[in-house]
Amino acid sequence: MSIVINVDVMLAKRKMSVTELSERVGITLANISILKKGKAKAIRLDTLNKICRVLSCQPGDLLEYVPDEEGEV
């Protein structure tokens, strides 16, 4: 199972930079970059709420479930 975080897609749709999102959400540029690169192991619901508010989107616009190939655990 793999959860993909599509922050980069929403940033492109909103024509917003990573720096602007970081400033408006109130989290570090490094943490936004971790989310954008798909390296995050977890995200606080409070952070997800703030990102959704700033990007005017739903959590499902940011999070996507992608099943692993058969046989992978």
C-alpha atoms as a PDB file:
ATOM      1  CA  MET A   1       0.000   0.000   0.000  1.00  0.00           C
ATOM      2  CA  SER A   2       1.238   3.456  -0.796  1.00  0.00           C
ATOM      3  CA  ILE A   3      -0.227   6.863  -0.060  1.00  0.00           C
ATOM      4  CA  VAL A   4       0.903   9.526  -2.511  1.00  0.00           C
ATOM      5  CA  ILE A   5       0.850  13.172  -1.432  1.00  0.00           C
ATOM      6  CA  ASN A   6       0.011  15.403  -4.388  1.00  0.00           C
ATOM      7  CA  VAL A   7       1.034  18.769  -2.951  1.00  0.00           C
ATOM      8  CA  ASP A   8       2.973  19.572  -6.116  1.00  0.00           C
ATOM      9  CA  VAL A   9      -0.122  18.999  -8.268  1.00  0.00           C
ATOM     10  CA  MET A  10      -2.251  21.338  -6.140  1.00  0.00           C
ATOM     11  CA  LEU A  11       0.494  23.961  -6.049  1.00  0.00           C
ATOM     12  CA  ALA A  12       0.618  23.925  -9.850  1.00  0.00           C
ATOM     13  CA  LYS A  13      -3.187  24.170 -10.107  1.00  0.00           C
ATOM     14  CA  ARG A  14      -3.210  27.137  -7.710  1.00  0.00           C
ATOM     15  CA  LYS A  15      -0.104  28.704  -9.298  1.00  0.00           C
ATOM     16  CA  MET A  16       1.489  28.932  -5.863  1.00  0.00           C
ATOM     17  CA  SER A  17       5.131  28.444  -4.921  1.00  0.00           C
ATOM     18  CA  VAL A  18       6.397  26.128  -2.218  1.00  0.00           C
ATOM     19  CA  THR A  19       7.727  29.193  -0.405  1.00  0.00           C
ATOM     20  CA  GLU A  20       4.334  30.908  -0.425  1.00  0.00           C
ATOM     21  CA  LEU A  21       2.589  27.765   0.824  1.00  0.00           C
ATOM     22  CA  SER A  22       5.170  27.386   3.581  1.00  0.00           C
ATOM     23  CA  GLU A  23       4.659  30.971   4.733  1.00  0.00           C
ATOM     24  CA  ARG A  24       0.863  30.847   4.568  1.00  0.00           C
ATOM     25  CA  VAL A  25       0.591  27.467   6.317  1.00  0.00           C
ATOM     26  CA  GLY A  26       3.220  28.317   8.927  1.00  0.00           C
ATOM     27  CA  ILE A  27       5.474  25.287   8.507  1.00  0.00           C
ATOM     28  CA  THR A  28       9.053  25.171   7.340  1.00  0.00           C
ATOM     29  CA  LEU A  29      10.049  25.084   3.708  1.00  0.00           C
ATOM     30  CA  ALA A  30      11.925  21.856   4.478  1.00  0.00           C
ATOM     31  CA  ASN A  31       8.737  20.165   5.716  1.00  0.00           C
ATOM     32  CA  ILE A  32       6.748  21.293   2.682  1.00  0.00           C
ATOM     33  CA  SER A  33       9.537  19.931   0.476  1.00  0.00           C
ATOM     34  CA  ILE A  34       9.383  16.570   2.284  1.00  0.00           C
ATOM     35  CA  LEU A  35       5.656  16.403   1.554  1.00  0.00           C
ATOM     36  CA  LYS A  36       6.141  17.516  -2.039  1.00  0.00           C
ATOM     37  CA  LYS A  37       8.833  14.895  -2.690  1.00  0.00           C
ATOM     38  CA  GLY A  38       6.713  12.121  -1.168  1.00  0.00           C
ATOM     39  CA  LYS A  39       9.230  11.417   1.613  1.00  0.00           C
ATOM     40  CA  ALA A  40       6.844  12.105   4.518  1.00  0.00           C
ATOM     41  CA  LYS A  41       6.019   9.188   6.809  1.00  0.00           C
ATOM     42  CA  ALA A  42       3.135  11.054   8.470  1.00  0.00           C
ATOM     43  CA  ILE A  43       1.219  14.313   8.388  1.00  0.00           C
ATOM     44  CA  ARG A  44      -0.594  15.919  11.294  1.00  0.00           C
ATOM     45  CA  LEU A  45      -4.291  16.500  10.700  1.00  0.00           C
ATOM     46  CA  ASP A  46      -3.793  20.095  11.814  1.00  0.00           C
ATOM     47  CA  THR A  47      -1.168  20.562   9.086  1.00  0.00           C
ATOM     48  CA  LEU A  48      -3.392  18.870   6.504  1.00  0.00           C
ATOM     49  CA  ASN A  49      -6.238  21.176   7.559  1.00  0.00           C
ATOM     50  CA  LYS A  50      -4.064  24.266   7.094  1.00  0.00           C
ATOM     51  CA  ILE A  51      -2.801  23.131   3.693  1.00  0.00           C
ATOM     52  CA  CYS A  52      -6.367  22.427   2.544  1.00  0.00           C
ATOM     53  CA  ARG A  53      -7.508  25.851   3.777  1.00  0.00           C
ATOM     54  CA  VAL A  54      -4.673  27.681   1.988  1.00  0.00           C
ATOM     55  CA  LEU A  55      -5.043  25.689  -1.250  1.00  0.00           C
ATOM     56  CA  SER A  56      -8.874  25.690  -1.093  1.00  0.00           C
ATOM     57  CA  CYS A  57      -9.021  21.940  -1.586  1.00  0.00           C
ATOM     58  CA  GLN A  58     -10.185  18.720   0.049  1.00  0.00           C
ATOM     59  CA  PRO A  59      -7.846  16.179   1.724  1.00  0.00           C
ATOM     60  CA  GLY A  60      -8.652  13.790  -1.142  1.00  0.00           C
ATOM     61  CA  ASP A  61      -7.174  16.320  -3.565  1.00  0.00           C
ATOM     62  CA  LEU A  62      -3.844  15.956  -1.755  1.00  0.00           C
ATOM     63  CA  LEU A  63      -3.829  12.286  -0.745  1.00  0.00           C
ATOM     64  CA  GLU A  64      -4.087   9.363  -3.148  1.00  0.00           C
ATOM     65  CA  TYR A  65      -3.977   5.633  -2.446  1.00  0.00           C
ATOM     66  CA  VAL A  66      -1.918   3.682  -4.984  1.00  0.00           C
ATOM     67  CA  PRO A  67      -1.936  -0.095  -4.464  1.00  0.00           C
ATOM     68  CA  ASP A  68       1.402  -1.874  -4.606  1.00  0.00           C
ATOM     69  CA  GLU A  69       2.029  -4.353  -7.361  1.00  0.00           C
ATOM     70  CA  GLU A  70       0.785  -7.870  -6.638  1.00  0.00           C
ATOM     71  CA  GLY A  71       3.046  -9.810  -4.361  1.00  0.00           C
ATOM     72  CA  GLU A  72       4.620  -6.797  -2.667  1.00  0.00           C
ATOM     73  CA  VAL A  73       4.151  -6.388   1.040  1.00  0.00           C
END
